[in-house]
Protein backbone atom coordinates (compact mmCIF):
# COMPACT_ATOMS: atom_id res chain seq x y z
CA UNK A 1 74.92 85.07 78.56
CA UNK A 2 78.02 87.20 78.04
CA UNK A 3 80.62 86.52 80.73
CA UNK A 4 83.79 88.66 80.73
CA UNK A 5 85.77 85.84 82.34
CA UNK A 6 84.88 83.47 79.48
CA UNK A 7 84.52 85.86 76.54
CA UNK A 8 87.47 88.17 77.32
CA UNK A 9 90.02 85.79 78.88
CA UNK A 10 93.09 87.62 77.56
CA UNK A 11 92.00 91.01 78.93
CA UNK A 12 91.38 89.38 82.31
CA UNK A 13 94.18 86.86 82.16
CA UNK A 14 95.22 84.90 85.24
CA UNK A 15 98.72 84.34 83.90
CA UNK A 16 101.71 85.14 86.12
CA UNK A 17 103.63 86.24 83.01
CA UNK A 18 103.58 89.87 81.87
CA UNK A 19 101.52 90.65 78.80
CA UNK A 20 100.08 93.76 77.19
CA UNK A 21 96.63 95.23 76.61
CA UNK A 22 95.40 98.32 74.74
CA UNK A 23 92.04 99.27 76.21
CA UNK A 24 90.19 102.03 74.38
CA UNK A 25 87.40 104.35 75.50
CA UNK A 26 84.49 102.63 77.22
CA UNK A 27 81.77 103.55 79.72
CA UNK A 28 82.54 103.11 83.40
CA UNK A 29 80.82 103.55 86.73
CA UNK A 30 83.29 105.50 88.85
CA UNK A 31 83.77 106.77 92.38
CA UNK A 32 86.77 108.01 94.31
CA UNK A 33 88.11 108.46 97.81
CA UNK A 34 91.14 108.11 100.04
CA UNK A 35 92.32 105.16 102.11
CA UNK A 36 95.06 104.39 104.63
CA UNK A 37 94.61 100.60 104.72
CA UNK A 38 94.46 99.94 100.98
CA UNK A 39 91.77 97.37 100.10
CA UNK A 40 91.12 96.66 103.80
CA UNK A 41 90.12 100.28 104.37
CA UNK A 42 86.42 100.68 105.31
CA UNK A 43 86.12 103.77 103.10
CA UNK A 44 87.35 101.89 100.04
CA UNK A 45 85.09 98.91 100.73
CA UNK A 46 82.09 101.20 101.28
CA UNK A 47 82.47 102.99 97.97
CA UNK A 48 83.39 99.85 96.04
CA UNK A 49 80.30 98.08 97.39
CA UNK A 50 78.04 100.95 96.33
CA UNK A 51 79.51 101.07 92.82
CA UNK A 52 79.19 97.29 92.46
CA UNK A 53 75.58 97.48 93.60
CA UNK A 54 74.80 99.97 90.82
CA UNK A 55 76.56 97.77 88.26
CA UNK A 56 74.58 94.73 89.45
CA UNK A 57 71.28 96.62 89.22
CA UNK A 58 72.03 97.82 85.67
CA UNK A 59 72.88 94.25 84.62
CA UNK A 60 69.30 93.26 85.51
CA UNK A 61 68.07 95.32 82.55
CA UNK A 62 64.32 94.93 81.87
CA UNK A 63 63.88 92.68 84.92
CA UNK A 64 64.99 95.61 87.09
CA UNK A 65 62.94 98.04 84.99
CA UNK A 66 66.15 99.61 83.65
CA UNK A 67 65.60 101.10 80.15
CA UNK A 68 68.34 99.69 77.92
CA UNK A 69 67.97 99.51 74.15
CA UNK A 70 69.45 96.33 72.67
CA UNK A 71 69.94 94.75 76.08
CA UNK A 72 71.62 91.35 76.23
CA UNK A 73 72.12 89.35 79.46
CA UNK A 74 75.62 89.62 80.91
CA UNK A 75 77.68 89.06 84.03
CA UNK A 76 78.70 92.41 85.61
CA UNK A 77 82.35 93.32 85.12
CA UNK A 78 84.68 93.18 88.14
CA UNK A 79 85.51 96.14 90.33
CA UNK A 80 88.86 97.74 89.58
CA UNK A 81 90.67 100.58 91.25
CA UNK A 82 93.45 102.97 90.33
CA UNK A 83 95.68 103.65 93.34
CA UNK A 84 97.96 106.66 93.79
CA UNK A 85 100.23 107.34 96.75
CA UNK A 86 99.40 110.57 98.61
CA UNK A 87 101.65 111.04 101.63
CA UNK A 88 100.76 108.47 104.28
CA UNK A 89 97.52 107.62 102.47
CA UNK A 90 96.41 106.57 98.98
CA UNK A 91 93.91 108.16 96.64
CA UNK A 92 91.80 105.63 94.79
CA UNK A 93 89.35 105.72 91.92
CA UNK A 94 86.89 102.88 91.36
CA UNK A 95 86.20 101.87 87.74
CA UNK A 96 83.58 99.29 86.70
CA UNK A 97 83.37 98.72 82.96
CA UNK A 98 79.95 98.65 81.30
CA UNK A 99 78.81 96.89 78.09
CA UNK A 100 78.56 99.04 74.98
CA UNK A 101 74.76 99.13 75.14
CA UNK A 102 74.68 100.64 78.66
CA UNK A 103 74.34 104.42 78.65
CA UNK A 104 74.05 107.17 81.25
CA UNK A 105 70.25 106.95 81.27
CA UNK A 106 70.49 103.36 82.47
CA UNK A 107 72.93 104.48 85.17
CA UNK A 108 70.56 107.23 86.33
CA UNK A 109 67.61 104.81 86.36
CA UNK A 110 69.58 102.38 88.54
CA UNK A 111 70.52 105.18 90.94
CA UNK A 112 66.85 105.98 91.43
CA UNK A 113 66.04 102.38 92.36
CA UNK A 114 68.62 101.96 95.11
CA UNK A 115 68.31 103.24 98.65
CA UNK A 116 71.84 103.75 99.94
CA UNK A 117 72.32 103.73 103.70
CA UNK A 118 75.83 105.19 103.92
CA UNK A 119 76.59 106.44 100.41
CA UNK A 120 75.41 109.56 98.62
CA UNK A 121 74.31 109.27 95.01
CA UNK A 122 76.59 112.20 94.18
CA UNK A 123 79.59 110.00 94.97
CA UNK A 124 78.84 107.75 91.98
CA UNK A 125 79.46 108.78 88.39
CA UNK A 126 79.18 107.54 84.80
CA UNK A 127 82.21 108.38 82.64
CA UNK A 128 83.77 107.65 79.26
CA UNK A 129 87.37 106.61 79.92
CA UNK A 130 90.27 104.77 78.30
CA UNK A 131 92.89 102.75 80.13
CA UNK A 132 95.32 102.98 77.22
CA UNK A 133 98.32 100.66 76.79
CA UNK A 134 99.16 98.68 79.91
CA UNK A 135 101.29 95.74 80.95
CA UNK A 136 99.57 93.33 83.31
CA UNK A 137 100.09 90.23 85.41
CA UNK A 138 98.33 88.37 88.20
CA UNK A 139 99.08 88.66 91.91
CA UNK A 140 98.10 86.26 94.68
CA UNK A 141 96.61 88.13 97.62
CA UNK A 142 96.71 91.82 98.58
CA UNK A 143 98.99 94.19 96.68
CA UNK A 144 102.02 95.55 98.54
CA UNK A 145 105.06 97.56 97.46
CA UNK A 146 107.65 95.17 96.09
CA UNK A 147 105.15 92.37 95.53
CA UNK A 148 105.84 89.72 92.89
CA UNK A 149 103.48 91.35 90.37
CA UNK A 150 105.33 94.68 90.57
CA UNK A 151 108.64 92.91 89.98
CA UNK A 152 107.28 91.08 86.93
CA UNK A 153 105.83 94.26 85.41
CA UNK A 154 108.90 96.40 86.04
CA UNK A 155 111.10 93.72 84.45
CA UNK A 156 108.88 93.59 81.34
CA UNK A 157 108.98 97.38 80.99
CA UNK A 158 112.77 97.47 81.34
CA UNK A 159 113.37 94.61 78.92
CA UNK A 160 111.07 96.14 76.30
CA UNK A 161 112.61 99.59 76.55
CA UNK A 162 109.23 101.09 77.48
CA UNK A 163 108.45 103.79 80.02
CA UNK A 164 106.02 103.53 82.87
CA UNK A 165 103.50 106.38 83.02
CA UNK A 166 102.75 107.83 86.47
CA UNK A 167 105.19 105.73 88.49
CA UNK A 168 103.31 106.30 91.75
CA UNK A 169 100.08 104.90 90.29
CA UNK A 170 98.83 101.44 89.37
CA UNK A 171 95.57 99.63 88.61
CA UNK A 172 94.12 96.59 90.39
CA UNK A 173 91.32 94.45 88.96
CA UNK A 174 89.56 92.32 91.56
CA UNK A 175 88.68 89.31 89.44
CA UNK A 176 87.92 87.30 92.59
CA UNK A 177 85.71 90.07 94.02
CA UNK A 178 86.15 91.96 97.28
CA UNK A 179 87.33 91.92 100.00
CA UNK A 180 90.80 90.75 98.99
CA UNK A 181 92.04 87.70 100.89
CA UNK A 182 95.44 85.92 100.80
CA UNK A 183 93.89 83.48 98.29
CA UNK A 184 92.44 86.17 95.98
CA UNK A 185 93.67 86.67 92.44
CA UNK A 186 94.22 90.35 91.69
CA UNK A 187 95.13 91.52 88.19
CA UNK A 188 97.71 94.32 88.34
CA UNK A 189 98.27 96.82 85.50
CA UNK A 190 100.90 99.52 84.90
CA UNK A 191 100.18 102.18 82.26
CA UNK A 192 103.08 102.48 79.81
CA UNK A 193 104.44 104.50 76.92
CA UNK A 194 106.09 102.47 74.16
CA UNK A 195 108.94 105.00 74.12
CA UNK A 196 109.48 104.62 70.38
CA UNK A 197 109.83 100.84 70.60
CA UNK A 198 107.93 98.44 68.31
CA UNK A 199 104.52 97.59 69.72
CA UNK A 200 104.47 94.20 71.47
CA UNK A 201 101.74 91.63 70.88
CA UNK A 202 98.76 92.89 72.81
CA UNK A 203 95.03 92.54 73.30
CA UNK A 204 92.95 95.37 71.82
CA UNK A 205 89.49 96.09 73.19
């Protein structure tokens, strides 16, 4: 069985050192909203749970009566979210990566099989997106302004002569699932522009 944690360890690294990834266009389950309590916010947790439920259903493939050509068993990818400051609140967008063989028809089939109590189907989407070039590191516990991960990433960007794209925005990958606890490992990514500098060693996927 394909397991992202085992088969893609560099993309989902647990290292506290900064390193670089170049993540090209893939399929994602997405949803968005606004929160005032970051990952503790009930609205964020509600939408993230619904998106993860869809991803889990799709991963069942034929056993869940989901039509997927060339299906191979796999562990669902972790929930990630892009956070952007908006006044006293934050806008967030959930992304959950899908294997190459999962298409929109599989997504629609999974939607039809789930009865949501507090989420509308229209809140969930299937998109083709690219993360681009990012610098990443691990953080222990919830993400806060000035946290160790932010310091590590900003230092790597400055030392490399790169530029951070969208300075009020960052990505969190919840490799230890949700909700986030003080013991959780959260992968943090900043999108960057190489700013004419030589490309660093990076993971391409």
